[in-house]
Amino acid sequence: TIERLSVGKKLPDFNVVDKKNTKLLFKNTLKNKPSVIYFWSTEHPRHIKSVQNKISLYKNNNDYNFIGVCLDSENESLKSYSKMFDFNYDYSLENSLETRKELFIQNINKIYVIDAESKILSSNLNIFDPQFNTKLNKLDK
């Protein structure tokens, strides 16, 4: 799994559900632009607020889309938290357990940075690192 998710490999596609309860392939949510994919869960409400504060600092980086994925399979979580925060590009997982295993998501701070073709640029950045934006901008897009 780790080798399959290493830099230069394509991020496996997975199913997500949007705020309108529409099921989509994740690759169809991408805007042909490099993206930072971050994860959150209603089991960690303080994390949601913290990560959204960080995203608000970085979302003006026009080189990347910032896409949040709720690790909860229950789409009502996405709807309720979307009302509290400015979630423009957020989705929930259709099959949380299976997708978490496939993407090797072992903790809530997991981030994938992918290029416009869904190739992994990084899987080990930390959005809470004070040097996050600098490290992000040094990646070869």
Protein backbone atom coordinates (compact mmCIF):
# COMPACT_ATOMS: atom_id res chain seq x y z
CA THR A 1 0.00 0.00 0.00
CA ILE A 2 2.75 2.45 0.89
CA GLU A 3 4.56 1.84 -2.39
CA ARG A 4 1.31 2.20 -4.34
CA LEU A 5 0.79 5.61 -2.67
CA SER A 6 4.33 6.94 -3.13
CA VAL A 7 5.39 10.11 -4.94
CA GLY A 8 4.85 9.86 -8.68
CA LYS A 9 2.09 7.23 -8.45
CA LYS A 10 -1.52 8.06 -9.26
CA LEU A 11 -3.82 8.50 -6.31
CA PRO A 12 -6.41 5.70 -6.49
CA ASP A 13 -9.88 6.92 -7.35
CA PHE A 14 -12.61 6.56 -4.75
CA ASN A 15 -16.27 7.44 -4.33
CA VAL A 16 -17.41 10.56 -2.53
CA VAL A 17 -20.75 12.19 -1.81
CA ASP A 18 -21.29 15.94 -2.14
CA LYS A 19 -23.51 18.21 -0.03
CA LYS A 20 -26.46 17.52 -2.33
CA ASN A 21 -26.06 13.78 -1.72
CA THR A 22 -24.75 13.21 -5.26
CA LYS A 23 -22.32 10.31 -5.58
CA LEU A 24 -19.19 11.11 -7.58
CA LEU A 25 -15.84 9.64 -8.44
CA PHE A 26 -13.29 11.77 -6.64
CA LYS A 27 -11.31 12.35 -9.85
CA ASN A 28 -14.39 14.09 -11.28
CA THR A 29 -14.22 16.71 -8.51
CA LEU A 30 -10.74 17.84 -9.53
CA LYS A 31 -10.37 20.99 -11.60
CA ASN A 32 -7.38 19.95 -13.76
CA LYS A 33 -5.17 21.77 -11.31
CA PRO A 34 -2.84 20.56 -8.55
CA SER A 35 -4.77 19.90 -5.35
CA VAL A 36 -4.24 19.58 -1.63
CA ILE A 37 -6.55 16.91 -0.26
CA TYR A 38 -7.08 17.12 3.48
CA PHE A 39 -9.28 15.02 5.73
CA TRP A 40 -11.52 15.74 8.70
CA SER A 41 -14.09 13.97 10.86
CA THR A 42 -16.92 15.00 13.15
CA GLU A 43 -15.27 12.82 15.79
CA HIS A 44 -12.66 15.59 16.08
CA PRO A 45 -14.56 18.92 16.12
CA ARG A 46 -11.56 20.94 17.34
CA HIS A 47 -9.54 19.58 14.44
CA ILE A 48 -12.22 20.75 11.98
CA LYS A 49 -12.00 24.30 13.25
CA SER A 50 -8.19 24.24 13.31
CA VAL A 51 -7.83 22.81 9.82
CA GLN A 52 -10.38 25.26 8.41
CA ASN A 53 -8.43 28.15 9.94
CA LYS A 54 -5.29 26.89 8.21
CA ILE A 55 -7.10 26.34 4.91
CA SER A 56 -8.39 29.91 5.01
CA LEU A 57 -4.76 31.07 5.20
CA TYR A 58 -3.64 28.93 2.26
CA LYS A 59 -6.66 28.82 -0.06
CA ASN A 60 -5.52 32.05 -1.73
CA ASN A 61 -2.62 30.05 -3.16
CA ASN A 62 -3.83 30.01 -6.75
CA ASP A 63 -1.50 27.15 -7.65
CA TYR A 64 -3.64 24.62 -5.75
CA ASN A 65 -7.22 23.62 -5.10
CA PHE A 66 -7.91 22.75 -1.47
CA ILE A 67 -10.35 19.87 -1.19
CA GLY A 68 -11.63 18.56 2.13
CA VAL A 69 -12.89 15.03 2.54
CA CYS A 70 -14.96 14.08 5.56
CA LEU A 71 -13.93 10.63 6.74
CA ASP A 72 -17.44 9.96 8.02
CA SER A 73 -19.69 7.99 5.71
CA GLU A 74 -22.74 9.79 7.05
CA ASN A 75 -23.45 12.64 4.64
CA GLU A 76 -25.50 14.54 7.24
CA SER A 77 -22.20 15.36 8.95
CA LEU A 78 -20.98 17.13 5.85
CA LYS A 79 -24.22 19.10 5.54
CA SER A 80 -24.26 20.27 9.14
CA TYR A 81 -20.58 21.23 9.26
CA SER A 82 -20.83 22.93 5.86
CA LYS A 83 -23.27 25.36 7.47
CA MET A 84 -20.81 26.19 10.25
CA PHE A 85 -17.73 26.56 8.04
CA ASP A 86 -17.07 27.83 4.54
CA PHE A 87 -16.80 24.42 2.88
CA ASN A 88 -16.67 25.09 -0.83
CA TYR A 89 -15.00 21.90 -2.00
CA ASP A 90 -15.81 19.32 0.63
CA TYR A 91 -17.09 15.80 0.25
CA SER A 92 -17.74 12.80 2.46
CA LEU A 93 -16.59 9.27 1.74
CA GLU A 94 -19.17 6.89 0.37
CA ASN A 95 -17.42 3.89 1.94
CA SER A 96 -15.27 5.20 4.75
CA LEU A 97 -13.61 2.03 6.05
CA GLU A 98 -12.65 0.69 2.64
CA THR A 99 -11.39 4.04 1.35
CA ARG A 100 -9.42 4.79 4.51
CA LYS A 101 -7.58 1.49 4.06
CA GLU A 102 -7.00 2.06 0.36
CA LEU A 103 -5.59 5.56 0.97
CA PHE A 104 -3.68 4.47 4.08
CA ILE A 105 -5.32 7.12 6.26
CA GLN A 106 -4.27 6.26 9.79
CA ASN A 107 -4.80 9.65 11.37
CA ILE A 108 -6.84 12.77 10.81
CA ASN A 109 -3.84 14.88 9.73
CA LYS A 110 -3.23 12.93 6.51
CA ILE A 111 -2.79 15.12 3.43
CA TYR A 112 -2.19 14.22 -0.18
CA VAL A 113 -0.84 16.77 -2.64
CA ILE A 114 -1.49 15.74 -6.23
CA ASP A 115 -0.76 17.28 -9.61
CA ALA A 116 -3.36 18.00 -12.31
CA GLU A 117 -3.20 14.34 -13.46
CA SER A 118 -3.72 12.96 -9.92
CA LYS A 119 -0.07 11.92 -9.49
CA ILE A 120 1.06 12.17 -5.88
CA LEU A 121 3.47 15.03 -5.23
CA SER A 122 3.54 14.51 -1.47
CA SER A 123 1.83 12.41 1.15
CA ASN A 124 3.70 13.61 4.21
CA LEU A 125 3.13 17.35 4.52
CA ASN A 126 1.46 18.62 7.68
CA ILE A 127 -0.94 21.52 7.30
CA PHE A 128 -0.07 22.64 10.86
CA ASP A 129 3.64 22.96 10.02
CA PRO A 130 4.55 26.68 10.05
CA GLN A 131 6.51 26.03 6.85
CA PHE A 132 3.60 24.29 5.10
CA ASN A 133 3.05 26.91 2.39
CA THR A 134 6.79 27.16 1.67
CA LYS A 135 7.12 23.38 1.38
CA LEU A 136 3.98 23.20 -0.75
CA ASN A 137 5.28 25.79 -3.18
CA LYS A 138 8.60 23.93 -3.53
CA LEU A 139 6.89 20.81 -4.88
CA ASP A 140 7.30 20.14 -8.61
CA LYS A 141 3.87 20.60 -10.11
